[in-house]
Amino acid sequence: MSIKNIVLGIAIIILTIFVAVYGINMFFPQIEYPDFCGDVNTQEIINTQERCEEINGKWSVYESVKPIEGGMEGFCDREYYCRQDYEDMNEIRSKKIFLISVPLGILFLIIGGFLFKLESVGAGLMGGGVGTLIYGAGGYWRYGEDWFRFVISLMGLIAVIWLAYWFNKKFDKKKK
């Protein structure tokens, strides 16, 4: 493969990933933290549980063996509940993106391997498929359990090994 085809393949990889990511984000826009928690920067010092609960914060009691100076018995996490809502919505969005990007990435791999005889285009689409898979899995990865991450990784490894053997057999037959 010439250097020109390598550069074209890399460009196709990058643009395929861009198309997938921005296309998915068009239907599932990113969730913004200020939409959930707003702007809570204030100079008010919250030093009682009652005031903390009035502003929808979560009061946490200091657990210390040493007495705390100033008589403060705890602190107010003003953003605790809105942050929980934000994280919950982010997890739901990440799962949707995962469920869309994995089949889309596999589709790019298959299209790149089966339909395009021009090696730079096929390899570029396949690389874009891998990037799309990483985008989808990476966003949901922190929410998944260990068994889930293991199964997804194992399935991906098996699929890539199988594709590598299949494509090498296919191209070896054409060369003979």
N, C-alpha and C. Protein backbone atom coordinates (compact mmCIF):
# COMPACT_ATOMS: atom_id res chain seq x y z
N MET A 1 0.86 -1.17 0.00
CA MET A 1 0.00 0.00 0.00
C MET A 1 0.91 1.24 0.00
N SER A 2 0.57 2.20 -0.84
CA SER A 2 1.39 3.41 -0.95
C SER A 2 1.09 4.36 0.21
N ILE A 3 1.97 5.32 0.38
CA ILE A 3 1.81 6.30 1.46
C ILE A 3 0.53 7.11 1.26
N LYS A 4 0.19 7.36 -0.01
CA LYS A 4 -1.04 8.09 -0.32
C LYS A 4 -2.26 7.31 0.17
N ASN A 5 -2.28 6.03 -0.06
CA ASN A 5 -3.41 5.20 0.38
C ASN A 5 -3.46 5.09 1.90
N ILE A 6 -2.31 5.08 2.54
CA ILE A 6 -2.28 5.04 4.01
C ILE A 6 -2.88 6.32 4.58
N VAL A 7 -2.49 7.46 4.01
CA VAL A 7 -3.04 8.74 4.47
C VAL A 7 -4.55 8.79 4.22
N LEU A 8 -4.98 8.33 3.06
CA LEU A 8 -6.42 8.30 2.77
C LEU A 8 -7.16 7.37 3.74
N GLY A 9 -6.57 6.24 4.04
CA GLY A 9 -7.17 5.32 5.00
C GLY A 9 -7.32 5.94 6.38
N ILE A 10 -6.28 6.64 6.83
CA ILE A 10 -6.34 7.32 8.13
C ILE A 10 -7.41 8.41 8.12
N ALA A 11 -7.49 9.16 7.02
CA ALA A 11 -8.52 10.20 6.91
C ALA A 11 -9.92 9.58 6.97
N ILE A 12 -10.10 8.44 6.32
CA ILE A 12 -11.40 7.76 6.35
C ILE A 12 -11.71 7.27 7.76
N ILE A 13 -10.71 6.77 8.46
CA ILE A 13 -10.92 6.35 9.86
C ILE A 13 -11.45 7.53 10.68
N ILE A 14 -10.74 8.64 10.61
CA ILE A 14 -11.10 9.81 11.42
C ILE A 14 -12.49 10.32 11.06
N LEU A 15 -12.75 10.45 9.77
CA LEU A 15 -14.05 10.99 9.35
C LEU A 15 -15.19 10.02 9.65
N THR A 16 -14.95 8.73 9.57
CA THR A 16 -15.98 7.75 9.93
C THR A 16 -16.34 7.88 11.40
N ILE A 17 -15.34 8.03 12.24
CA ILE A 17 -15.60 8.21 13.67
C ILE A 17 -16.36 9.51 13.91
N PHE A 18 -15.96 10.59 13.23
CA PHE A 18 -16.67 11.87 13.37
C PHE A 18 -18.14 11.72 12.98
N VAL A 19 -18.40 11.08 11.84
CA VAL A 19 -19.77 10.90 11.38
C VAL A 19 -20.58 10.12 12.41
N ALA A 20 -20.01 9.05 12.95
CA ALA A 20 -20.72 8.24 13.94
C ALA A 20 -20.98 9.03 15.22
N VAL A 21 -19.96 9.66 15.75
CA VAL A 21 -20.09 10.37 17.03
C VAL A 21 -21.06 11.54 16.90
N TYR A 22 -20.89 12.38 15.89
CA TYR A 22 -21.75 13.56 15.76
C TYR A 22 -23.16 13.16 15.33
N GLY A 23 -23.27 12.09 14.56
CA GLY A 23 -24.60 11.60 14.20
C GLY A 23 -25.36 11.11 15.42
N ILE A 24 -24.71 10.35 16.27
CA ILE A 24 -25.34 9.87 17.51
C ILE A 24 -25.66 11.04 18.42
N ASN A 25 -24.73 11.98 18.56
CA ASN A 25 -24.96 13.14 19.44
C ASN A 25 -26.10 14.03 18.94
N MET A 26 -26.39 13.96 17.64
CA MET A 26 -27.50 14.74 17.12
C MET A 26 -28.83 14.24 17.70
N PHE A 27 -28.94 12.93 17.89
CA PHE A 27 -30.17 12.35 18.42
C PHE A 27 -30.15 12.23 19.94
N PHE A 28 -28.96 12.13 20.51
CA PHE A 28 -28.80 12.03 21.97
C PHE A 28 -27.80 13.09 22.42
N PRO A 29 -28.25 14.35 22.52
CA PRO A 29 -27.32 15.43 22.87
C PRO A 29 -26.68 15.21 24.24
N GLN A 30 -25.49 15.76 24.38
CA GLN A 30 -24.79 15.64 25.66
C GLN A 30 -25.58 16.31 26.76
N ILE A 31 -25.50 15.73 27.93
CA ILE A 31 -26.19 16.25 29.09
C ILE A 31 -25.24 17.22 29.79
N GLU A 32 -25.73 18.41 30.06
CA GLU A 32 -24.91 19.45 30.67
C GLU A 32 -25.17 19.53 32.17
N TYR A 33 -24.11 19.56 32.94
CA TYR A 33 -24.21 19.63 34.40
C TYR A 33 -25.01 20.84 34.89
N PRO A 34 -24.80 22.04 34.33
CA PRO A 34 -25.57 23.20 34.80
C PRO A 34 -27.08 23.06 34.59
N ASP A 35 -27.50 22.23 33.63
CA ASP A 35 -28.93 22.01 33.42
C ASP A 35 -29.56 21.30 34.62
N PHE A 36 -28.77 20.57 35.37
CA PHE A 36 -29.28 19.85 36.54
C PHE A 36 -29.04 20.61 37.83
N CYS A 37 -27.87 21.20 37.96
CA CYS A 37 -27.49 21.83 39.22
C CYS A 37 -27.49 23.35 39.16
N GLY A 38 -27.59 23.90 37.98
CA GLY A 38 -27.59 25.35 37.88
C GLY A 38 -26.28 25.94 38.36
N ASP A 39 -26.34 27.18 38.74
CA ASP A 39 -25.17 27.88 39.24
C ASP A 39 -25.36 28.08 40.74
N VAL A 40 -24.74 27.23 41.54
CA VAL A 40 -24.94 27.29 42.99
C VAL A 40 -23.79 27.99 43.70
N ASN A 41 -22.95 28.67 42.94
CA ASN A 41 -21.86 29.40 43.58
C ASN A 41 -22.44 30.55 44.40
N THR A 42 -22.25 30.48 45.68
CA THR A 42 -22.76 31.51 46.58
C THR A 42 -21.78 31.70 47.71
N GLN A 43 -21.86 32.83 48.32
CA GLN A 43 -20.96 33.12 49.44
C GLN A 43 -21.55 32.68 50.77
N GLU A 44 -22.80 32.24 50.75
CA GLU A 44 -23.45 31.85 52.00
C GLU A 44 -22.76 30.64 52.62
N ILE A 45 -22.49 30.73 53.90
CA ILE A 45 -21.92 29.61 54.64
C ILE A 45 -23.07 28.84 55.27
N ILE A 46 -23.18 27.60 54.90
CA ILE A 46 -24.26 26.75 55.42
C ILE A 46 -23.66 25.94 56.57
N ASN A 47 -24.11 26.20 57.78
CA ASN A 47 -23.53 25.49 58.91
C ASN A 47 -24.57 24.76 59.75
N THR A 48 -25.79 24.62 59.22
CA THR A 48 -26.79 23.83 59.94
C THR A 48 -27.47 22.87 58.97
N GLN A 49 -27.88 21.75 59.51
CA GLN A 49 -28.56 20.75 58.71
C GLN A 49 -29.88 21.29 58.17
N GLU A 50 -30.59 22.06 58.96
CA GLU A 50 -31.88 22.59 58.54
C GLU A 50 -31.74 23.48 57.30
N ARG A 51 -30.76 24.39 57.34
CA ARG A 51 -30.56 25.30 56.20
C ARG A 51 -30.12 24.51 54.97
N CYS A 52 -29.30 23.51 55.18
CA CYS A 52 -28.83 22.67 54.08
C CYS A 52 -30.02 21.99 53.39
N GLU A 53 -30.92 21.44 54.18
CA GLU A 53 -32.07 20.75 53.62
C GLU A 53 -33.04 21.72 52.95
N GLU A 54 -33.10 22.96 53.43
CA GLU A 54 -33.95 23.99 52.81
C GLU A 54 -33.53 24.26 51.37
N ILE A 55 -32.24 24.20 51.11
CA ILE A 55 -31.75 24.49 49.76
C ILE A 55 -31.51 23.21 48.96
N ASN A 56 -32.11 22.09 49.40
CA ASN A 56 -32.01 20.79 48.73
C ASN A 56 -30.59 20.24 48.70
N GLY A 57 -29.85 20.47 49.75
CA GLY A 57 -28.51 19.91 49.88
C GLY A 57 -28.55 18.67 50.76
N LYS A 58 -27.41 18.01 50.86
CA LYS A 58 -27.30 16.84 51.73
C LYS A 58 -26.30 17.16 52.83
N TRP A 59 -26.73 17.02 54.05
CA TRP A 59 -25.89 17.30 55.21
C TRP A 59 -25.10 16.04 55.56
N SER A 60 -23.82 16.20 55.73
CA SER A 60 -22.96 15.09 56.15
C SER A 60 -22.28 15.49 57.45
N VAL A 61 -22.40 14.61 58.43
CA VAL A 61 -21.82 14.88 59.75
C VAL A 61 -20.34 14.53 59.72
N TYR A 62 -19.54 15.42 60.29
CA TYR A 62 -18.11 15.12 60.42
C TYR A 62 -17.96 13.98 61.41
N GLU A 63 -17.19 12.99 61.03
CA GLU A 63 -16.90 11.90 61.95
C GLU A 63 -15.42 11.96 62.25
N SER A 64 -15.12 12.53 63.40
CA SER A 64 -13.74 12.76 63.76
C SER A 64 -13.56 12.50 65.25
N VAL A 65 -12.41 11.95 65.61
CA VAL A 65 -12.13 11.73 67.03
C VAL A 65 -11.63 13.01 67.68
N LYS A 66 -11.17 13.93 66.87
CA LYS A 66 -10.65 15.20 67.38
C LYS A 66 -11.75 16.26 67.25
N PRO A 67 -11.99 17.06 68.26
CA PRO A 67 -13.01 18.10 68.16
C PRO A 67 -12.69 19.08 67.03
N ILE A 68 -13.73 19.51 66.35
CA ILE A 68 -13.57 20.42 65.22
C ILE A 68 -13.70 21.85 65.72
N GLU A 69 -12.76 22.68 65.30
CA GLU A 69 -12.79 24.09 65.72
C GLU A 69 -13.96 24.81 65.08
N GLY A 70 -14.52 25.74 65.79
CA GLY A 70 -15.60 26.56 65.25
C GLY A 70 -16.98 25.97 65.48
N GLY A 71 -17.07 24.79 66.05
CA GLY A 71 -18.36 24.20 66.37
C GLY A 71 -19.11 23.59 65.20
N MET A 72 -18.53 23.56 64.02
CA MET A 72 -19.22 22.96 62.87
C MET A 72 -19.32 21.45 63.08
N GLU A 73 -20.50 20.92 62.92
CA GLU A 73 -20.72 19.49 63.13
C GLU A 73 -20.77 18.71 61.83
N GLY A 74 -20.77 19.40 60.72
CA GLY A 74 -20.85 18.73 59.43
C GLY A 74 -20.69 19.74 58.30
N PHE A 75 -21.01 19.28 57.11
CA PHE A 75 -20.94 20.18 55.97
C PHE A 75 -22.11 19.90 55.03
N CYS A 76 -22.41 20.88 54.21
CA CYS A 76 -23.53 20.79 53.29
C CYS A 76 -23.02 20.58 51.86
N ASP A 77 -23.41 19.49 51.27
CA ASP A 77 -23.12 19.25 49.86
C ASP A 77 -24.32 19.76 49.07
N ARG A 78 -24.24 20.97 48.60
CA ARG A 78 -25.37 21.63 47.94
C ARG A 78 -25.80 20.94 46.66
N GLU A 79 -24.88 20.29 46.01
CA GLU A 79 -25.16 19.71 44.70
C GLU A 79 -25.37 18.20 44.75
N TYR A 80 -25.48 17.62 45.92
CA TYR A 80 -25.54 16.16 46.04
C TYR A 80 -26.69 15.57 45.22
N TYR A 81 -27.90 16.03 45.43
CA TYR A 81 -29.06 15.42 44.78
C TYR A 81 -29.13 15.74 43.29
N CYS A 82 -28.82 16.96 42.91
CA CYS A 82 -28.83 17.28 41.48
C CYS A 82 -27.69 16.54 40.76
N ARG A 83 -26.57 16.33 41.45
CA ARG A 83 -25.46 15.58 40.86
C ARG A 83 -25.86 14.12 40.65
N GLN A 84 -26.63 13.56 41.61
CA GLN A 84 -27.13 12.19 41.46
C GLN A 84 -28.05 12.09 40.24
N ASP A 85 -28.94 13.08 40.08
CA ASP A 85 -29.84 13.09 38.92
C ASP A 85 -29.05 13.19 37.63
N TYR A 86 -28.03 14.05 37.63
CA TYR A 86 -27.17 14.21 36.46
C TYR A 86 -26.48 12.88 36.12
N GLU A 87 -25.91 12.23 37.12
CA GLU A 87 -25.22 10.95 36.89
C GLU A 87 -26.19 9.88 36.39
N ASP A 88 -27.40 9.84 36.94
CA ASP A 88 -28.40 8.87 36.49
C ASP A 88 -28.75 9.08 35.02
N MET A 89 -28.97 10.32 34.64
CA MET A 89 -29.30 10.63 33.24
C MET A 89 -28.11 10.37 32.32
N ASN A 90 -26.91 10.63 32.80
CA ASN A 90 -25.71 10.37 32.01
C ASN A 90 -25.54 8.87 31.77
N GLU A 91 -25.85 8.07 32.78
CA GLU A 91 -25.77 6.61 32.62
C GLU A 91 -26.78 6.12 31.59
N ILE A 92 -27.99 6.64 31.64
CA ILE A 92 -29.02 6.24 30.67
C ILE A 92 -28.58 6.62 29.25
N ARG A 93 -28.07 7.83 29.08
CA ARG A 93 -27.59 8.28 27.77
C ARG A 93 -26.43 7.41 27.29
N SER A 94 -25.50 7.11 28.19
CA SER A 94 -24.34 6.29 27.83
C SER A 94 -24.77 4.90 27.39
N LYS A 95 -25.78 4.36 28.03
CA LYS A 95 -26.27 3.03 27.65
C LYS A 95 -26.90 3.06 26.26
N LYS A 96 -27.67 4.10 25.97
CA LYS A 96 -28.28 4.24 24.65
C LYS A 96 -27.20 4.37 23.58
N ILE A 97 -26.18 5.17 23.86
CA ILE A 97 -25.09 5.35 22.90
C ILE A 97 -24.36 4.03 22.68
N PHE A 98 -24.16 3.29 23.75
CA PHE A 98 -23.51 1.98 23.65
C PHE A 98 -24.33 1.06 22.75
N LEU A 99 -25.64 1.01 22.99
CA LEU A 99 -26.51 0.11 22.23
C LEU A 99 -26.63 0.50 20.76
N ILE A 100 -26.35 1.75 20.43
CA ILE A 100 -26.37 2.19 19.03
C ILE A 100 -24.99 2.05 18.39
N SER A 101 -23.95 2.45 19.10
CA SER A 101 -22.62 2.50 18.49
C SER A 101 -22.00 1.12 18.29
N VAL A 102 -22.32 0.15 19.13
CA VAL A 102 -21.74 -1.18 18.94
C VAL A 102 -22.23 -1.80 17.62
N PRO A 103 -23.54 -1.86 17.36
CA PRO A 103 -23.95 -2.40 16.06
C PRO A 103 -23.47 -1.54 14.88
N LEU A 104 -23.42 -0.22 15.07
CA LEU A 104 -22.94 0.66 14.01
C LEU A 104 -21.46 0.40 13.72
N GLY A 105 -20.66 0.23 14.77
CA GLY A 105 -19.24 -0.08 14.58
C GLY A 105 -19.05 -1.42 13.89
N ILE A 106 -19.85 -2.41 14.27
CA ILE A 106 -19.77 -3.72 13.62
C ILE A 106 -20.18 -3.60 12.15
N LEU A 107 -21.20 -2.80 11.88
CA LEU A 107 -21.63 -2.57 10.50
C LEU A 107 -20.51 -1.93 9.68
N PHE A 108 -19.83 -0.94 10.24
CA PHE A 108 -18.69 -0.33 9.53
C PHE A 108 -17.60 -1.37 9.26
N LEU A 109 -17.34 -2.23 10.23
CA LEU A 109 -16.34 -3.29 10.03
C LEU A 109 -16.74 -4.21 8.88
N ILE A 110 -17.99 -4.62 8.87
CA ILE A 110 -18.46 -5.55 7.84
C ILE A 110 -18.46 -4.87 6.47
N ILE A 111 -18.98 -3.65 6.40
CA ILE A 111 -19.01 -2.93 5.11
C ILE A 111 -17.59 -2.72 4.59
N GLY A 112 -16.69 -2.32 5.48
CA GLY A 112 -15.31 -2.10 5.07
C GLY A 112 -14.64 -3.38 4.59
N GLY A 113 -14.99 -4.49 5.20
CA GLY A 113 -14.37 -5.76 4.83
C GLY A 113 -14.98 -6.42 3.61
N PHE A 114 -16.28 -6.27 3.43
CA PHE A 114 -16.97 -7.00 2.36
C PHE A 114 -17.16 -6.20 1.08
N LEU A 115 -17.47 -4.93 1.19
CA LEU A 115 -17.95 -4.19 0.02
C LEU A 115 -16.88 -3.44 -0.75
N PHE A 116 -15.81 -3.05 -0.12
CA PHE A 116 -14.85 -2.19 -0.80
C PHE A 116 -13.60 -2.95 -1.20
N LYS A 117 -13.35 -2.95 -2.50
CA LYS A 117 -12.16 -3.63 -3.01
C LYS A 117 -10.92 -2.75 -2.85
N LEU A 118 -11.13 -1.43 -2.82
CA LEU A 118 -10.03 -0.50 -2.63
C LEU A 118 -9.58 -0.60 -1.18
N GLU A 119 -8.36 -1.04 -0.97
CA GLU A 119 -7.88 -1.37 0.37
C GLU A 119 -7.90 -0.18 1.33
N SER A 120 -7.56 1.01 0.87
CA SER A 120 -7.54 2.16 1.77
C SER A 120 -8.94 2.50 2.27
N VAL A 121 -9.94 2.37 1.42
CA VAL A 121 -11.32 2.66 1.82
C VAL A 121 -11.82 1.59 2.78
N GLY A 122 -11.62 0.33 2.43
CA GLY A 122 -12.06 -0.76 3.30
C GLY A 122 -11.39 -0.72 4.66
N ALA A 123 -10.07 -0.53 4.66
CA ALA A 123 -9.34 -0.47 5.93
C ALA A 123 -9.75 0.77 6.73
N GLY A 124 -9.99 1.88 6.03
CA GLY A 124 -10.41 3.10 6.72
C GLY A 124 -11.76 2.93 7.38
N LEU A 125 -12.72 2.33 6.67
CA LEU A 125 -14.03 2.09 7.27
C LEU A 125 -13.93 1.11 8.44
N MET A 126 -13.10 0.11 8.29
CA MET A 126 -12.93 -0.85 9.39
C MET A 126 -12.31 -0.16 10.61
N GLY A 127 -11.33 0.68 10.39
CA GLY A 127 -10.74 1.44 11.50
C GLY A 127 -11.76 2.37 12.14
N GLY A 128 -12.60 2.99 11.30
CA GLY A 128 -13.67 3.82 11.83
C GLY A 128 -14.66 3.01 12.64
N GLY A 129 -14.90 1.78 12.22
CA GLY A 129 -15.77 0.89 12.99
C GLY A 129 -15.20 0.58 14.35
N VAL A 130 -13.90 0.33 14.39
CA VAL A 130 -13.25 0.09 15.68
C VAL A 130 -13.34 1.33 16.56
N GLY A 131 -13.11 2.50 15.99
CA GLY A 131 -13.22 3.75 16.75
C GLY A 131 -14.63 3.98 17.27
N THR A 132 -15.63 3.64 16.47
CA THR A 132 -17.02 3.77 16.88
C THR A 132 -17.33 2.82 18.03
N LEU A 133 -16.81 1.60 17.94
CA LEU A 133 -16.98 0.64 19.04
C LEU A 133 -16.36 1.18 20.33
N ILE A 134 -15.17 1.73 20.22
CA ILE A 134 -14.49 2.27 21.40
C ILE A 134 -15.27 3.44 21.98
N TYR A 135 -15.80 4.29 21.12
CA TYR A 135 -16.60 5.43 21.58
C TYR A 135 -17.81 4.95 22.39
N GLY A 136 -18.53 3.99 21.86
CA GLY A 136 -19.73 3.51 22.56
C GLY A 136 -19.41 2.76 23.83
N ALA A 137 -18.43 1.87 23.76
CA ALA A 137 -18.07 1.09 24.94
C ALA A 137 -17.40 1.97 25.99
N GLY A 138 -16.59 2.90 25.56
CA GLY A 138 -15.88 3.76 26.51
C GLY A 138 -16.79 4.62 27.35
N GLY A 139 -17.87 5.11 26.76
CA GLY A 139 -18.81 5.94 27.50
C GLY A 139 -19.58 5.17 28.56
N TYR A 140 -19.87 3.91 28.26
CA TYR A 140 -20.68 3.12 29.19
C TYR A 140 -19.82 2.26 30.11
N TRP A 141 -18.54 2.18 29.83
CA TRP A 141 -17.63 1.27 30.53
C TRP A 141 -17.68 1.44 32.04
N ARG A 142 -17.67 2.66 32.54
CA ARG A 142 -17.62 2.88 33.99
C ARG A 142 -18.90 2.48 34.68
N TYR A 143 -20.00 2.36 33.94
CA TYR A 143 -21.27 1.97 34.56
C TYR A 143 -21.46 0.45 34.55
N GLY A 144 -20.74 -0.25 33.69
CA GLY A 144 -20.91 -1.69 33.56
C GLY A 144 -20.23 -2.46 34.69
N GLU A 145 -20.78 -3.62 34.97
CA GLU A 145 -20.19 -4.52 35.97
C GLU A 145 -18.96 -5.20 35.36
N ASP A 146 -18.14 -5.80 36.22
CA ASP A 146 -16.94 -6.50 35.73
C ASP A 146 -17.29 -7.62 34.76
N TRP A 147 -18.34 -8.40 35.05
CA TRP A 147 -18.71 -9.51 34.17
C TRP A 147 -19.12 -8.97 32.79
N PHE A 148 -19.80 -7.83 32.77
CA PHE A 148 -20.23 -7.22 31.52
C PHE A 148 -19.02 -6.79 30.69
N ARG A 149 -18.07 -6.14 31.35
CA ARG A 149 -16.86 -5.69 30.64
C ARG A 149 -16.07 -6.89 30.13
N PHE A 150 -16.02 -7.97 30.92
CA PHE A 150 -15.31 -9.17 30.50
C PHE A 150 -15.97 -9.78 29.26
N VAL A 151 -17.29 -9.94 29.30
CA VAL A 151 -18.00 -10.57 28.19
C VAL A 151 -17.86 -9.73 26.92
N ILE A 152 -18.02 -8.42 27.04
CA ILE A 152 -17.90 -7.54 25.86
C ILE A 152 -16.47 -7.61 25.30
N SER A 153 -15.48 -7.58 26.17
CA SER A 153 -14.08 -7.65 25.72
C SER A 153 -13.80 -8.99 25.04
N LEU A 154 -14.29 -10.07 25.63
CA LEU A 154 -14.07 -11.40 25.05
C LEU A 154 -14.75 -11.53 23.69
N MET A 155 -15.98 -11.06 23.60
CA MET A 155 -16.69 -11.11 22.31
C MET A 155 -15.97 -10.28 21.26
N GLY A 156 -15.49 -9.11 21.65
CA GLY A 156 -14.75 -8.27 20.72
C GLY A 156 -13.47 -8.94 20.24
N LEU A 157 -12.75 -9.55 21.17
CA LEU A 157 -11.51 -10.24 20.82
C LEU A 157 -11.77 -11.39 19.85
N ILE A 158 -12.78 -12.19 20.15
CA ILE A 158 -13.12 -13.32 19.28
C ILE A 158 -13.53 -12.82 17.90
N ALA A 159 -14.34 -11.78 17.85
CA ALA A 159 -14.80 -11.24 16.56
C ALA A 159 -13.64 -10.70 15.74
N VAL A 160 -12.73 -9.98 16.37
CA VAL A 160 -11.60 -9.41 15.62
C VAL A 160 -10.66 -10.50 15.13
N ILE A 161 -10.41 -11.52 15.95
CA ILE A 161 -9.56 -12.63 15.51
C ILE A 161 -10.21 -13.35 14.34
N TRP A 162 -11.51 -13.61 14.45
CA TRP A 162 -12.22 -14.28 13.36
C TRP A 162 -12.16 -13.45 12.09
N LEU A 163 -12.43 -12.13 12.20
CA LEU A 163 -12.36 -11.26 11.03
C LEU A 163 -10.96 -11.24 10.42
N ALA A 164 -9.95 -11.22 11.26
CA ALA A 164 -8.57 -11.21 10.75
C ALA A 164 -8.29 -12.47 9.94
N TYR A 165 -8.69 -13.63 10.46
CA TYR A 165 -8.50 -14.88 9.72
C TYR A 165 -9.31 -14.87 8.43
N TRP A 166 -10.55 -14.44 8.52
CA TRP A 166 -11.43 -14.45 7.35
C TRP A 166 -10.89 -13.54 6.26
N PHE A 167 -10.50 -12.30 6.63
CA PHE A 167 -10.01 -11.36 5.63
C PHE A 167 -8.69 -11.83 5.03
N ASN A 168 -7.83 -12.40 5.84
CA ASN A 168 -6.56 -12.89 5.30
C ASN A 168 -6.79 -14.04 4.34
N LYS A 169 -7.73 -14.93 4.65
CA LYS A 169 -8.06 -16.02 3.73
C LYS A 169 -8.62 -15.46 2.43
N LYS A 170 -9.51 -14.49 2.54
CA LYS A 170 -10.16 -13.88 1.38
C LYS A 170 -9.12 -13.24 0.47
N PHE A 171 -8.20 -12.48 1.04
CA PHE A 171 -7.21 -11.78 0.22
C PHE A 171 -6.12 -12.72 -0.28
N ASP A 172 -5.82 -13.79 0.45
CA ASP A 172 -4.84 -14.76 -0.03
C ASP A 172 -5.36 -15.49 -1.26
N LYS A 173 -6.67 -15.81 -1.29
CA LYS A 173 -7.26 -16.48 -2.45
C LYS A 173 -7.21 -15.58 -3.68
N LYS A 174 -7.44 -14.29 -3.50
CA LYS A 174 -7.44 -13.35 -4.62
C LYS A 174 -6.05 -13.18 -5.20
N LYS A 175 -5.02 -13.28 -4.37
CA LYS A 175 -3.64 -13.09 -4.83
C LYS A 175 -3.15 -14.28 -5.64
N LYS A 176 -3.72 -15.47 -5.40
CA LYS A 176 -3.26 -16.68 -6.09
C LYS A 176 -3.82 -16.81 -7.47
